[in-house]
Amino acid sequence: VPIIAMTANVFEDDVLETKKAGMTGHLSKPIDSKTMYK
């Protein structure tokens, strides 16, 4: 099941941490609906 992070943490290290934890994607806040759906 895809697990997507939604966070204000947008540095490269933050993205790597979410991937290392098993997350499939990363969304940065504030959320843009087009980006989210994509």
PDB file of all heavy atoms in Angstrom:
ATOM      1  N   VAL A   1       0.851  -1.194   0.000  1.00  0.00           N
ATOM      2  CA  VAL A   1       0.000   0.000   0.000  1.00  0.00           C
ATOM      3  C   VAL A   1       0.887   1.244   0.000  1.00  0.00           C
ATOM      4  O   VAL A   1       1.814   1.347   0.797  1.00  0.00           O
ATOM      5  CB  VAL A   1      -0.992   0.016   1.190  1.00  0.00           C
ATOM      6  CG1 VAL A   1      -0.290   0.096   2.526  1.00  0.00           C
ATOM      7  CG2 VAL A   1      -2.008   1.139   1.030  1.00  0.00           C
ATOM      8  N   PRO A   2       0.653   2.167  -0.928  1.00  0.00           N
ATOM      9  CA  PRO A   2       1.444   3.391  -0.934  1.00  0.00           C
ATOM     10  C   PRO A   2       1.181   4.227   0.329  1.00  0.00           C
ATOM     11  O   PRO A   2       0.041   4.409   0.734  1.00  0.00           O
ATOM     12  CB  PRO A   2       0.947   4.144  -2.168  1.00  0.00           C
ATOM     13  CG  PRO A   2       0.297   3.115  -3.019  1.00  0.00           C
ATOM     14  CD  PRO A   2      -0.258   2.104  -2.070  1.00  0.00           C
ATOM     15  N   ILE A   3       2.254   4.701   0.949  1.00  0.00           N
ATOM     16  CA  ILE A   3       2.151   5.593   2.102  1.00  0.00           C
ATOM     17  C   ILE A   3       2.880   6.874   1.728  1.00  0.00           C
ATOM     18  O   ILE A   3       4.053   6.843   1.357  1.00  0.00           O
ATOM     19  CB  ILE A   3       2.758   4.976   3.372  1.00  0.00           C
ATOM     20  CG1 ILE A   3       2.085   3.637   3.685  1.00  0.00           C
ATOM     21  CG2 ILE A   3       2.623   5.943   4.546  1.00  0.00           C
ATOM     22  CD1 ILE A   3       2.705   2.892   4.854  1.00  0.00           C
ATOM     23  N   ILE A   4       2.145   7.974   1.801  1.00  0.00           N
ATOM     24  CA  ILE A   4       2.666   9.265   1.355  1.00  0.00           C
ATOM     25  C   ILE A   4       2.795  10.207   2.549  1.00  0.00           C
ATOM     26  O   ILE A   4       1.843  10.395   3.300  1.00  0.00           O
ATOM     27  CB  ILE A   4       1.737   9.873   0.284  1.00  0.00           C
ATOM     28  CG1 ILE A   4       1.586   8.898  -0.897  1.00  0.00           C
ATOM     29  CG2 ILE A   4       2.263  11.230  -0.184  1.00  0.00           C
ATOM     30  CD1 ILE A   4       0.462   9.245  -1.845  1.00  0.00           C
ATOM     31  N   ALA A   5       3.984  10.791   2.699  1.00  0.00           N
ATOM     32  CA  ALA A   5       4.221  11.770   3.758  1.00  0.00           C
ATOM     33  C   ALA A   5       3.618  13.104   3.355  1.00  0.00           C
ATOM     34  O   ALA A   5       3.735  13.526   2.212  1.00  0.00           O
ATOM     35  CB  ALA A   5       5.719  11.940   3.982  1.00  0.00           C
ATOM     36  N   MET A   6       2.967  13.749   4.307  1.00  0.00           N
ATOM     37  CA  MET A   6       2.476  15.114   4.114  1.00  0.00           C
ATOM     38  C   MET A   6       3.134  15.936   5.216  1.00  0.00           C
ATOM     39  O   MET A   6       2.888  15.694   6.402  1.00  0.00           O
ATOM     40  CB  MET A   6       0.958  15.149   4.253  1.00  0.00           C
ATOM     41  CG  MET A   6       0.375  16.532   4.109  1.00  0.00           C
ATOM     42  SD  MET A   6      -1.418  16.547   4.270  1.00  0.00           S
ATOM     43  CE  MET A   6      -1.631  16.026   5.965  1.00  0.00           C
ATOM     44  N   THR A   7       4.018  16.861   4.829  1.00  0.00           N
ATOM     45  CA  THR A   7       4.841  17.496   5.836  1.00  0.00           C
ATOM     46  C   THR A   7       5.408  18.837   5.389  1.00  0.00           C
ATOM     47  O   THR A   7       5.514  19.093   4.190  1.00  0.00           O
ATOM     48  CB  THR A   7       6.006  16.547   6.218  1.00  0.00           C
ATOM     49  OG1 THR A   7       6.821  17.167   7.207  1.00  0.00           O
ATOM     50  CG2 THR A   7       6.845  16.186   5.029  1.00  0.00           C
ATOM     51  N   ALA A   8       5.781  19.634   6.354  1.00  0.00           N
ATOM     52  CA  ALA A   8       6.503  20.873   6.069  1.00  0.00           C
ATOM     53  C   ALA A   8       8.005  20.598   5.996  1.00  0.00           C
ATOM     54  O   ALA A   8       8.778  21.467   5.621  1.00  0.00           O
ATOM     55  CB  ALA A   8       6.213  21.909   7.147  1.00  0.00           C
ATOM     56  N   ASN A   9       8.413  19.380   6.332  1.00  0.00           N
ATOM     57  CA  ASN A   9       9.822  18.981   6.275  1.00  0.00           C
ATOM     58  C   ASN A   9      10.179  18.639   4.826  1.00  0.00           C
ATOM     59  O   ASN A   9       9.827  17.577   4.335  1.00  0.00           O
ATOM     60  CB  ASN A   9      10.077  17.762   7.156  1.00  0.00           C
ATOM     61  CG  ASN A   9       9.655  17.976   8.586  1.00  0.00           C
ATOM     62  OD1 ASN A   9       9.385  19.091   9.002  1.00  0.00           O
ATOM     63  ND2 ASN A   9       9.600  16.909   9.352  1.00  0.00           N
ATOM     64  N   VAL A  10      10.879  19.551   4.158  1.00  0.00           N
ATOM     65  CA  VAL A  10      11.101  19.367   2.724  1.00  0.00           C
ATOM     66  C   VAL A  10      12.578  19.283   2.319  1.00  0.00           C
ATOM     67  O   VAL A  10      12.882  19.222   1.138  1.00  0.00           O
ATOM     68  CB  VAL A  10      10.429  20.496   1.906  1.00  0.00           C
ATOM     69  CG1 VAL A  10       8.926  20.434   2.071  1.00  0.00           C
ATOM     70  CG2 VAL A  10      10.958  21.853   2.302  1.00  0.00           C
ATOM     71  N   PHE A  11      13.466  19.250   3.292  1.00  0.00           N
ATOM     72  CA  PHE A  11      14.876  19.123   2.962  1.00  0.00           C
ATOM     73  C   PHE A  11      15.172  17.709   2.454  1.00  0.00           C
ATOM     74  O   PHE A  11      14.429  16.763   2.738  1.00  0.00           O
ATOM     75  CB  PHE A  11      15.759  19.453   4.168  1.00  0.00           C
ATOM     76  CG  PHE A  11      15.671  20.891   4.588  1.00  0.00           C
ATOM     77  CD1 PHE A  11      15.048  21.254   5.770  1.00  0.00           C
ATOM     78  CD2 PHE A  11      16.197  21.899   3.783  1.00  0.00           C
ATOM     79  CE1 PHE A  11      14.957  22.580   6.158  1.00  0.00           C
ATOM     80  CE2 PHE A  11      16.110  23.229   4.162  1.00  0.00           C
ATOM     81  CZ  PHE A  11      15.495  23.574   5.348  1.00  0.00           C
ATOM     82  N   GLU A  12      16.243  17.574   1.707  1.00  0.00           N
ATOM     83  CA  GLU A  12      16.608  16.278   1.134  1.00  0.00           C
ATOM     84  C   GLU A  12      16.715  15.197   2.210  1.00  0.00           C
ATOM     85  O   GLU A  12      16.283  14.059   2.004  1.00  0.00           O
ATOM     86  CB  GLU A  12      17.933  16.406   0.382  1.00  0.00           C
ATOM     87  CG  GLU A  12      18.316  15.159  -0.384  1.00  0.00           C
ATOM     88  CD  GLU A  12      19.579  15.339  -1.201  1.00  0.00           C
ATOM     89  OE1 GLU A  12      19.888  16.482  -1.610  1.00  0.00           O
ATOM     90  OE2 GLU A  12      20.261  14.328  -1.437  1.00  0.00           O
ATOM     91  N   ASP A  13      17.277  15.546   3.362  1.00  0.00           N
ATOM     92  CA  ASP A  13      17.385  14.580   4.466  1.00  0.00           C
ATOM     93  C   ASP A  13      16.010  14.123   4.950  1.00  0.00           C
ATOM     94  O   ASP A  13      15.833  12.959   5.319  1.00  0.00           O
ATOM     95  CB  ASP A  13      18.158  15.178   5.642  1.00  0.00           C
ATOM     96  CG  ASP A  13      19.640  15.335   5.362  1.00  0.00           C
ATOM     97  OD1 ASP A  13      20.137  14.737   4.385  1.00  0.00           O
ATOM     98  OD2 ASP A  13      20.307  16.052   6.121  1.00  0.00           O
ATOM     99  N   ASP A  14      15.039  15.030   4.948  1.00  0.00           N
ATOM    100  CA  ASP A  14      13.679  14.686   5.363  1.00  0.00           C
ATOM    101  C   ASP A  14      13.051  13.692   4.396  1.00  0.00           C
ATOM    102  O   ASP A  14      12.410  12.724   4.808  1.00  0.00           O
ATOM    103  CB  ASP A  14      12.806  15.942   5.449  1.00  0.00           C
ATOM    104  CG  ASP A  14      13.322  16.946   6.459  1.00  0.00           C
ATOM    105  OD1 ASP A  14      13.730  16.529   7.566  1.00  0.00           O
ATOM    106  OD2 ASP A  14      13.320  18.151   6.134  1.00  0.00           O
ATOM    107  N   VAL A  15      13.236  13.935   3.107  1.00  0.00           N
ATOM    108  CA  VAL A  15      12.694  13.034   2.082  1.00  0.00           C
ATOM    109  C   VAL A  15      13.360  11.664   2.209  1.00  0.00           C
ATOM    110  O   VAL A  15      12.689  10.629   2.147  1.00  0.00           O
ATOM    111  CB  VAL A  15      12.880  13.625   0.665  1.00  0.00           C
ATOM    112  CG1 VAL A  15      12.409  12.641  -0.394  1.00  0.00           C
ATOM    113  CG2 VAL A  15      12.128  14.948   0.534  1.00  0.00           C
ATOM    114  N   LEU A  16      14.666  11.636   2.417  1.00  0.00           N
ATOM    115  CA  LEU A  16      15.381  10.365   2.584  1.00  0.00           C
ATOM    116  C   LEU A  16      14.896   9.607   3.815  1.00  0.00           C
ATOM    117  O   LEU A  16      14.767   8.382   3.783  1.00  0.00           O
ATOM    118  CB  LEU A  16      16.885  10.609   2.669  1.00  0.00           C
ATOM    119  CG  LEU A  16      17.560  11.052   1.386  1.00  0.00           C
ATOM    120  CD1 LEU A  16      19.026  11.406   1.633  1.00  0.00           C
ATOM    121  CD2 LEU A  16      17.450   9.989   0.306  1.00  0.00           C
ATOM    122  N   GLU A  17      14.607  10.343   4.894  1.00  0.00           N
ATOM    123  CA  GLU A  17      14.101   9.699   6.113  1.00  0.00           C
ATOM    124  C   GLU A  17      12.755   9.024   5.875  1.00  0.00           C
ATOM    125  O   GLU A  17      12.516   7.918   6.347  1.00  0.00           O
ATOM    126  CB  GLU A  17      13.989  10.720   7.243  1.00  0.00           C
ATOM    127  CG  GLU A  17      13.527  10.107   8.543  1.00  0.00           C
ATOM    128  CD  GLU A  17      13.365  11.115   9.671  1.00  0.00           C
ATOM    129  OE1 GLU A  17      13.343  12.329   9.404  1.00  0.00           O
ATOM    130  OE2 GLU A  17      13.240  10.666  10.824  1.00  0.00           O
ATOM    131  N   THR A  18      11.878   9.693   5.133  1.00  0.00           N
ATOM    132  CA  THR A  18      10.563   9.086   4.867  1.00  0.00           C
ATOM    133  C   THR A  18      10.707   7.851   3.974  1.00  0.00           C
ATOM    134  O   THR A  18      10.042   6.854   4.201  1.00  0.00           O
ATOM    135  CB  THR A  18       9.586  10.104   4.232  1.00  0.00           C
ATOM    136  OG1 THR A  18      10.118  10.606   3.013  1.00  0.00           O
ATOM    137  CG2 THR A  18       9.298  11.254   5.176  1.00  0.00           C
ATOM    138  N   LYS A  19      11.591   7.920   2.989  1.00  0.00           N
ATOM    139  CA  LYS A  19      11.808   6.748   2.124  1.00  0.00           C
ATOM    140  C   LYS A  19      12.408   5.593   2.919  1.00  0.00           C
ATOM    141  O   LYS A  19      12.021   4.442   2.747  1.00  0.00           O
ATOM    142  CB  LYS A  19      12.709   7.120   0.951  1.00  0.00           C
ATOM    143  CG  LYS A  19      12.010   7.957  -0.078  1.00  0.00           C
ATOM    144  CD  LYS A  19      12.880   8.223  -1.281  1.00  0.00           C
ATOM    145  CE  LYS A  19      12.093   9.078  -2.276  1.00  0.00           C
ATOM    146  NZ  LYS A  19      12.844   9.302  -3.500  1.00  0.00           N
ATOM    147  N   LYS A  20      13.363   5.911   3.790  1.00  0.00           N
ATOM    148  CA  LYS A  20      13.997   4.889   4.623  1.00  0.00           C
ATOM    149  C   LYS A  20      12.973   4.200   5.529  1.00  0.00           C
ATOM    150  O   LYS A  20      13.075   3.011   5.803  1.00  0.00           O
ATOM    151  CB  LYS A  20      15.105   5.526   5.457  1.00  0.00           C
ATOM    152  CG  LYS A  20      15.923   4.559   6.255  1.00  0.00           C
ATOM    153  CD  LYS A  20      17.042   5.281   6.995  1.00  0.00           C
ATOM    154  CE  LYS A  20      17.810   4.341   7.883  1.00  0.00           C
ATOM    155  NZ  LYS A  20      18.852   5.045   8.638  1.00  0.00           N
ATOM    156  N   ALA A  21      11.971   4.954   5.976  1.00  0.00           N
ATOM    157  CA  ALA A  21      10.917   4.404   6.838  1.00  0.00           C
ATOM    158  C   ALA A  21       9.941   3.532   6.063  1.00  0.00           C
ATOM    159  O   ALA A  21       9.148   2.811   6.663  1.00  0.00           O
ATOM    160  CB  ALA A  21      10.168   5.529   7.532  1.00  0.00           C
ATOM    161  N   GLY A  22       9.981   3.598   4.730  1.00  0.00           N
ATOM    162  CA  GLY A  22       9.076   2.782   3.919  1.00  0.00           C
ATOM    163  C   GLY A  22       7.985   3.551   3.219  1.00  0.00           C
ATOM    164  O   GLY A  22       7.073   2.960   2.643  1.00  0.00           O
ATOM    165  N   MET A  23       8.084   4.879   3.253  1.00  0.00           N
ATOM    166  CA  MET A  23       7.075   5.682   2.564  1.00  0.00           C
ATOM    167  C   MET A  23       7.336   5.685   1.065  1.00  0.00           C
ATOM    168  O   MET A  23       8.480   5.593   0.616  1.00  0.00           O
ATOM    169  CB  MET A  23       7.054   7.107   3.105  1.00  0.00           C
ATOM    170  CG  MET A  23       6.540   7.182   4.506  1.00  0.00           C
ATOM    171  SD  MET A  23       6.363   8.881   5.047  1.00  0.00           S
ATOM    172  CE  MET A  23       5.503   8.633   6.587  1.00  0.00           C
ATOM    173  N   THR A  24       6.268   5.808   0.308  1.00  0.00           N
ATOM    174  CA  THR A  24       6.332   5.751  -1.140  1.00  0.00           C
ATOM    175  C   THR A  24       6.461   7.132  -1.763  1.00  0.00           C
ATOM    176  O   THR A  24       7.018   7.272  -2.845  1.00  0.00           O
ATOM    177  CB  THR A  24       5.039   5.088  -1.679  1.00  0.00           C
ATOM    178  OG1 THR A  24       4.734   3.950  -0.888  1.00  0.00           O
ATOM    179  CG2 THR A  24       5.191   4.673  -3.119  1.00  0.00           C
ATOM    180  N   GLY A  25       5.927   8.153  -1.089  1.00  0.00           N
ATOM    181  CA  GLY A  25       5.913   9.497  -1.653  1.00  0.00           C
ATOM    182  C   GLY A  25       6.053  10.559  -0.586  1.00  0.00           C
ATOM    183  O   GLY A  25       6.045  10.267   0.614  1.00  0.00           O
ATOM    184  N   HIS A  26       6.160  11.799  -1.054  1.00  0.00           N
ATOM    185  CA  HIS A  26       6.405  12.922  -0.148  1.00  0.00           C
ATOM    186  C   HIS A  26       5.671  14.156  -0.687  1.00  0.00           C
ATOM    187  O   HIS A  26       5.913  14.564  -1.818  1.00  0.00           O
ATOM    188  CB  HIS A  26       7.912  13.186  -0.102  1.00  0.00           C
ATOM    189  CG  HIS A  26       8.354  14.033   1.027  1.00  0.00           C
ATOM    190  ND1 HIS A  26       8.913  13.507   2.167  1.00  0.00           N
ATOM    191  CD2 HIS A  26       8.325  15.361   1.212  1.00  0.00           C
ATOM    192  CE1 HIS A  26       9.224  14.482   2.992  1.00  0.00           C
ATOM    193  NE2 HIS A  26       8.870  15.620   2.438  1.00  0.00           N
ATOM    194  N   LEU A  27       4.798  14.731   0.116  1.00  0.00           N
ATOM    195  CA  LEU A  27       4.092  15.961  -0.241  1.00  0.00           C
ATOM    196  C   LEU A  27       4.487  17.054   0.730  1.00  0.00           C
ATOM    197  O   LEU A  27       4.494  16.837   1.943  1.00  0.00           O
ATOM    198  CB  LEU A  27       2.575  15.758  -0.158  1.00  0.00           C
ATOM    199  CG  LEU A  27       1.945  14.873  -1.208  1.00  0.00           C
ATOM    200  CD1 LEU A  27       0.510  14.542  -0.808  1.00  0.00           C
ATOM    201  CD2 LEU A  27       1.975  15.562  -2.557  1.00  0.00           C
ATOM    202  N   SER A  28       4.809  18.223   0.205  1.00  0.00           N
ATOM    203  CA  SER A  28       5.181  19.322   1.091  1.00  0.00           C
ATOM    204  C   SER A  28       3.990  20.254   1.308  1.00  0.00           C
ATOM    205  O   SER A  28       3.160  20.453   0.425  1.00  0.00           O
ATOM    206  CB  SER A  28       6.363  20.097   0.516  1.00  0.00           C
ATOM    207  OG  SER A  28       6.031  20.647  -0.736  1.00  0.00           O
ATOM    208  N   LYS A  29       3.928  20.785   2.522  1.00  0.00           N
ATOM    209  CA  LYS A  29       2.891  21.755   2.876  1.00  0.00           C
ATOM    210  C   LYS A  29       3.381  23.144   2.507  1.00  0.00           C
ATOM    211  O   LYS A  29       4.575  23.402   2.578  1.00  0.00           O
ATOM    212  CB  LYS A  29       2.602  21.707   4.373  1.00  0.00           C
ATOM    213  CG  LYS A  29       1.954  20.438   4.837  1.00  0.00           C
ATOM    214  CD  LYS A  29       1.770  20.547   6.345  1.00  0.00           C
ATOM    215  CE  LYS A  29       1.223  19.299   6.953  1.00  0.00           C
ATOM    216  NZ  LYS A  29       1.094  19.419   8.411  1.00  0.00           N
ATOM    217  N   PRO A  30       2.529  24.056   2.158  1.00  0.00           N
ATOM    218  CA  PRO A  30       1.087  23.861   1.991  1.00  0.00           C
ATOM    219  C   PRO A  30       0.811  22.993   0.764  1.00  0.00           C
ATOM    220  O   PRO A  30       1.550  23.028  -0.212  1.00  0.00           O
ATOM    221  CB  PRO A  30       0.543  25.276   1.817  1.00  0.00           C
ATOM    222  CG  PRO A  30       1.688  26.072   1.291  1.00  0.00           C
ATOM    223  CD  PRO A  30       2.927  25.441   1.851  1.00  0.00           C
ATOM    224  N   ILE A  31      -0.234  22.212   0.860  1.00  0.00           N
ATOM    225  CA  ILE A  31      -0.582  21.249  -0.190  1.00  0.00           C
ATOM    226  C   ILE A  31      -1.199  21.962  -1.381  1.00  0.00           C
ATOM    227  O   ILE A  31      -2.119  22.755  -1.241  1.00  0.00           O
ATOM    228  CB  ILE A  31      -1.571  20.189   0.349  1.00  0.00           C
ATOM    229  CG1 ILE A  31      -0.950  19.418   1.510  1.00  0.00           C
ATOM    230  CG2 ILE A  31      -2.035  19.251  -0.753  1.00  0.00           C
ATOM    231  CD1 ILE A  31       0.239  18.579   1.159  1.00  0.00           C
ATOM    232  N   ASP A  32      -0.675  21.646  -2.551  1.00  0.00           N
ATOM    233  CA  ASP A  32      -1.247  22.088  -3.822  1.00  0.00           C
ATOM    234  C   ASP A  32      -2.028  20.894  -4.374  1.00  0.00           C
ATOM    235  O   ASP A  32      -1.459  19.808  -4.527  1.00  0.00           O
ATOM    236  CB  ASP A  32      -0.121  22.495  -4.780  1.00  0.00           C
ATOM    237  CG  ASP A  32      -0.627  22.753  -6.174  1.00  0.00           C
ATOM    238  OD1 ASP A  32      -1.319  23.762  -6.378  1.00  0.00           O
ATOM    239  OD2 ASP A  32      -0.346  21.914  -7.061  1.00  0.00           O
ATOM    240  N   SER A  33      -3.305  21.065  -4.649  1.00  0.00           N
ATOM    241  CA  SER A  33      -4.155  19.929  -5.025  1.00  0.00           C
ATOM    242  C   SER A  33      -3.658  19.208  -6.277  1.00  0.00           C
ATOM    243  O   SER A  33      -3.668  17.980  -6.333  1.00  0.00           O
ATOM    244  CB  SER A  33      -5.608  20.357  -5.179  1.00  0.00           C
ATOM    245  OG  SER A  33      -5.750  21.331  -6.182  1.00  0.00           O
ATOM    246  N   LYS A  34      -3.205  19.933  -7.285  1.00  0.00           N
ATOM    247  CA  LYS A  34      -2.709  19.276  -8.505  1.00  0.00           C
ATOM    248  C   LYS A  34      -1.489  18.418  -8.207  1.00  0.00           C
ATOM    249  O   LYS A  34      -1.381  17.286  -8.678  1.00  0.00           O
ATOM    250  CB  LYS A  34      -2.379  20.308  -9.579  1.00  0.00           C
ATOM    251  CG  LYS A  34      -3.584  20.903 -10.238  1.00  0.00           C
ATOM    252  CD  LYS A  34      -3.173  21.847 -11.354  1.00  0.00           C
ATOM    253  CE  LYS A  34      -4.410  22.488 -11.969  1.00  0.00           C
ATOM    254  NZ  LYS A  34      -4.055  23.403 -13.050  1.00  0.00           N
ATOM    255  N   THR A  35      -0.590  18.956  -7.408  1.00  0.00           N
ATOM    256  CA  THR A  35       0.616  18.207  -7.027  1.00  0.00           C
ATOM    257  C   THR A  35       0.235  16.986  -6.205  1.00  0.00           C
ATOM    258  O   THR A  35       0.789  15.900  -6.387  1.00  0.00           O
ATOM    259  CB  THR A  35       1.579  19.113  -6.234  1.00  0.00           C
ATOM    260  OG1 THR A  35       1.894  20.251  -7.031  1.00  0.00           O
ATOM    261  CG2 THR A  35       2.839  18.383  -5.847  1.00  0.00           C
ATOM    262  N   MET A  36      -0.728  17.147  -5.308  1.00  0.00           N
ATOM    263  CA  MET A  36      -1.163  16.043  -4.463  1.00  0.00           C
ATOM    264  C   MET A  36      -1.744  14.907  -5.307  1.00  0.00           C
ATOM    265  O   MET A  36      -1.355  13.749  -5.152  1.00  0.00           O
ATOM    266  CB  MET A  36      -2.201  16.512  -3.448  1.00  0.00           C
ATOM    267  CG  MET A  36      -2.693  15.397  -2.540  1.00  0.00           C
ATOM    268  SD  MET A  36      -3.993  15.924  -1.395  1.00  0.00           S
ATOM    269  CE  MET A  36      -5.360  16.221  -2.517  1.00  0.00           C
ATOM    270  N   TYR A  37      -2.654  15.232  -6.211  1.00  0.00           N
ATOM    271  CA  TYR A  37      -3.264  14.196  -7.045  1.00  0.00           C
ATOM    272  C   TYR A  37      -2.224  13.510  -7.923  1.00  0.00           C
ATOM    273  O   TYR A  37      -2.246  12.288  -8.104  1.00  0.00           O
ATOM    274  CB  TYR A  37      -4.384  14.773  -7.908  1.00  0.00           C
ATOM    275  CG  TYR A  37      -5.579  15.235  -7.104  1.00  0.00           C
ATOM    276  CD1 TYR A  37      -6.115  16.507  -7.279  1.00  0.00           C
ATOM    277  CD2 TYR A  37      -6.163  14.409  -6.141  1.00  0.00           C
ATOM    278  CE1 TYR A  37      -7.202  16.939  -6.539  1.00  0.00           C
ATOM    279  CE2 TYR A  37      -7.256  14.838  -5.398  1.00  0.00           C
ATOM    280  CZ  TYR A  37      -7.767  16.098  -5.602  1.00  0.00           C
ATOM    281  OH  TYR A  37      -8.836  16.516  -4.858  1.00  0.00           O
ATOM    282  N   LYS A  38      -1.299  14.278  -8.440  1.00  0.00           N
ATOM    283  CA  LYS A  38      -0.230  13.722  -9.279  1.00  0.00           C
ATOM    284  C   LYS A  38       0.632  12.739  -8.474  1.00  0.00           C
ATOM    285  O   LYS A  38       0.963  11.655  -8.952  1.00  0.00           O
ATOM    286  CB  LYS A  38       0.623  14.875  -9.813  1.00  0.00           C
ATOM    287  CG  LYS A  38       1.568  14.516 -10.889  1.00  0.00           C
ATOM    288  CD  LYS A  38       2.229  15.809 -11.388  1.00  0.00           C
ATOM    289  CE  LYS A  38       3.165  15.550 -12.522  1.00  0.00           C
ATOM    290  NZ  LYS A  38       3.768  16.788 -13.021  1.00  0.00           N
TER     291      LYS A  38
END
